[in-house]
């Protein structure tokens, strides 16, 4: 997907799928947020294209500026159609990607690790560590108050 300052670029389903896969998540909310992020520029361009069409229509009201207004209307319509097509591509690719993830998660059985013959190490509790620190403190003598 190429960012163009002067108009919307064409978006392919592969580019959308790559972008969704780059999130590294299969959570539907994260993928929805990525879809909204992908669709935001095209939604803005649709509004801008509508403003171009309306402005060009007002320009055509004056007979002298008709040669300027007609091409602007054509450009506005073209941009709006391109944005609508890009939004449809983004929404379709998102739906296909989410469906593929759901199918993949539903068809795979839950992977369970076999029981290991190696016993796991026990982690010392916080209470044991605190007891060892208290044992190290000197409790007798004139210097015992500076540690407490």
Protein backbone atom coordinates (compact mmCIF):
# COMPACT_ATOMS: atom_id res chain seq x y z
CA UNK A 1 0.00 0.00 0.00
CA UNK A 2 1.54 3.24 -1.15
CA UNK A 3 0.73 6.48 0.60
CA UNK A 4 -0.05 9.18 -1.90
CA UNK A 5 -0.71 12.76 -0.88
CA UNK A 6 -2.76 13.52 -3.98
CA UNK A 7 -5.16 10.61 -4.02
CA UNK A 8 -5.98 7.10 -2.89
CA UNK A 9 -3.76 4.23 -3.95
CA UNK A 10 -5.03 0.85 -5.01
CA UNK A 11 -5.08 -1.75 -2.26
CA UNK A 12 -4.81 -5.47 -2.91
CA UNK A 13 -6.19 -8.26 -0.77
CA UNK A 14 -2.63 -9.57 -0.31
CA UNK A 15 -1.47 -6.26 1.13
CA UNK A 16 -4.38 -6.23 3.58
CA UNK A 17 -3.72 -9.85 4.59
CA UNK A 18 -0.02 -9.09 5.11
CA UNK A 19 -0.91 -6.11 7.27
CA UNK A 20 -3.35 -8.15 9.36
CA UNK A 21 -0.82 -10.97 9.70
CA UNK A 22 1.82 -8.44 10.79
CA UNK A 23 -0.23 -7.68 13.89
CA UNK A 24 0.84 -11.10 15.18
CA UNK A 25 -2.51 -11.64 16.85
CA UNK A 26 -5.57 -13.74 16.22
CA UNK A 27 -7.74 -11.68 18.56
CA UNK A 28 -10.75 -10.33 16.63
CA UNK A 29 -10.57 -6.97 18.41
CA UNK A 30 -6.94 -6.42 17.41
CA UNK A 31 -7.70 -7.40 13.83
CA UNK A 32 -10.73 -5.10 13.79
CA UNK A 33 -8.56 -2.23 15.01
CA UNK A 34 -6.02 -2.98 12.26
CA UNK A 35 -8.85 -3.01 9.70
CA UNK A 36 -10.10 0.35 10.92
CA UNK A 37 -6.57 1.74 10.72
CA UNK A 38 -6.29 0.50 7.13
CA UNK A 39 -9.70 1.88 6.17
CA UNK A 40 -9.38 5.32 7.78
CA UNK A 41 -7.49 7.07 4.94
CA UNK A 42 -9.95 5.80 2.34
CA UNK A 43 -12.94 6.93 4.37
CA UNK A 44 -11.41 10.41 4.59
CA UNK A 45 -10.69 10.41 0.85
CA UNK A 46 -14.32 9.52 0.14
CA UNK A 47 -15.43 12.63 2.01
CA UNK A 48 -12.81 14.74 0.24
CA UNK A 49 -13.94 13.36 -3.13
CA UNK A 50 -17.53 14.28 -2.29
CA UNK A 51 -16.41 17.82 -1.43
CA UNK A 52 -14.56 18.01 -4.75
CA UNK A 53 -17.70 16.94 -6.60
CA UNK A 54 -19.89 19.47 -4.78
CA UNK A 55 -17.34 22.27 -5.24
CA UNK A 56 -16.98 21.47 -8.92
CA UNK A 57 -20.76 21.47 -9.33
CA UNK A 58 -20.90 24.96 -7.84
CA UNK A 59 -18.06 25.96 -10.16
CA UNK A 60 -20.10 24.74 -13.13
CA UNK A 61 -22.90 27.16 -12.22
CA UNK A 62 -20.86 29.94 -13.76
CA UNK A 63 -20.62 29.53 -17.50
CA UNK A 64 -17.02 30.73 -17.65
CA UNK A 65 -15.71 28.03 -15.26
CA UNK A 66 -17.49 25.02 -16.81
CA UNK A 67 -14.25 23.83 -18.48
CA UNK A 68 -12.69 23.69 -15.02
CA UNK A 69 -15.70 22.22 -13.19
CA UNK A 70 -16.45 19.26 -15.46
CA UNK A 71 -12.98 17.67 -15.18
CA UNK A 72 -13.07 18.23 -11.41
CA UNK A 73 -16.37 16.36 -11.21
CA UNK A 74 -14.87 13.50 -13.20
CA UNK A 75 -11.82 13.41 -10.91
CA UNK A 76 -14.02 13.49 -7.81
CA UNK A 77 -16.20 10.63 -9.07
CA UNK A 78 -13.12 8.61 -10.00
CA UNK A 79 -11.54 9.11 -6.56
CA UNK A 80 -14.77 8.23 -4.81
CA UNK A 81 -15.16 5.00 -6.79
CA UNK A 82 -11.56 4.05 -6.15
CA UNK A 83 -11.98 4.65 -2.41
CA UNK A 84 -15.18 2.61 -2.34
CA UNK A 85 -13.43 -0.25 -4.14
CA UNK A 86 -10.48 -0.10 -1.73
CA UNK A 87 -12.79 -0.14 1.28
CA UNK A 88 -14.62 -3.16 -0.15
CA UNK A 89 -11.27 -4.91 -0.68
CA UNK A 90 -10.19 -4.17 2.90
CA UNK A 91 -13.47 -5.40 4.41
CA UNK A 92 -13.52 -8.55 2.25
CA UNK A 93 -9.89 -9.44 2.98
CA UNK A 94 -10.46 -8.85 6.70
CA UNK A 95 -13.52 -11.14 6.69
CA UNK A 96 -11.61 -13.85 4.81
CA UNK A 97 -8.62 -13.61 7.15
CA UNK A 98 -10.77 -13.83 10.28
CA UNK A 99 -12.73 -16.76 8.81
CA UNK A 100 -9.48 -18.56 7.97
CA UNK A 101 -8.20 -18.03 11.51
CA UNK A 102 -11.46 -19.30 13.02
CA UNK A 103 -11.42 -22.35 10.75
CA UNK A 104 -7.79 -23.05 11.61
CA UNK A 105 -8.45 -22.78 15.34
CA UNK A 106 -11.57 -24.94 15.11
CA UNK A 107 -10.03 -27.72 13.03
CA UNK A 108 -6.88 -28.14 15.12
CA UNK A 109 -7.20 -30.20 18.27
CA UNK A 110 -5.94 -28.70 21.47
CA UNK A 111 -2.25 -29.46 21.82
CA UNK A 112 -1.40 -30.94 25.15
CA UNK A 113 2.10 -31.45 26.37
CA UNK A 114 2.90 -34.97 27.53
CA UNK A 115 3.84 -35.25 31.18
CA UNK A 116 7.53 -34.68 31.62
CA UNK A 117 9.75 -37.08 33.52
CA UNK A 118 11.91 -34.18 34.67
CA UNK A 119 10.53 -32.62 37.86
CA UNK A 120 10.09 -28.87 37.78
CA UNK A 121 12.15 -26.77 40.16
CA UNK A 122 10.26 -25.30 43.02
CA UNK A 123 10.40 -21.55 43.23
CA UNK A 124 11.16 -20.22 46.69
CA UNK A 125 8.32 -18.30 48.22
CA UNK A 126 8.59 -14.64 49.14
CA UNK A 127 8.23 -15.55 52.80
CA UNK A 128 11.28 -17.82 52.71
CA UNK A 129 13.38 -15.10 51.08
CA UNK A 130 12.28 -12.60 53.72
CA UNK A 131 13.15 -15.05 56.51
CA UNK A 132 16.65 -15.50 55.11
CA UNK A 133 17.15 -11.72 55.03
CA UNK A 134 15.98 -11.37 58.64
CA UNK A 135 18.37 -14.13 59.72
CA UNK A 136 21.29 -12.18 58.25
CA UNK A 137 20.53 -9.02 60.22
CA UNK A 138 22.43 -8.62 63.47
CA UNK A 139 19.90 -8.65 66.30
CA UNK A 140 22.20 -8.25 69.23
CA UNK A 141 24.53 -5.47 70.05
CA UNK A 142 24.56 -1.68 69.84
CA UNK A 143 24.35 -1.56 66.02
CA UNK A 144 21.07 -3.50 65.74
CA UNK A 145 18.91 -0.33 65.53
CA UNK A 146 20.46 0.95 62.30
CA UNK A 147 19.18 -2.11 60.36
CA UNK A 148 15.60 -1.91 61.60
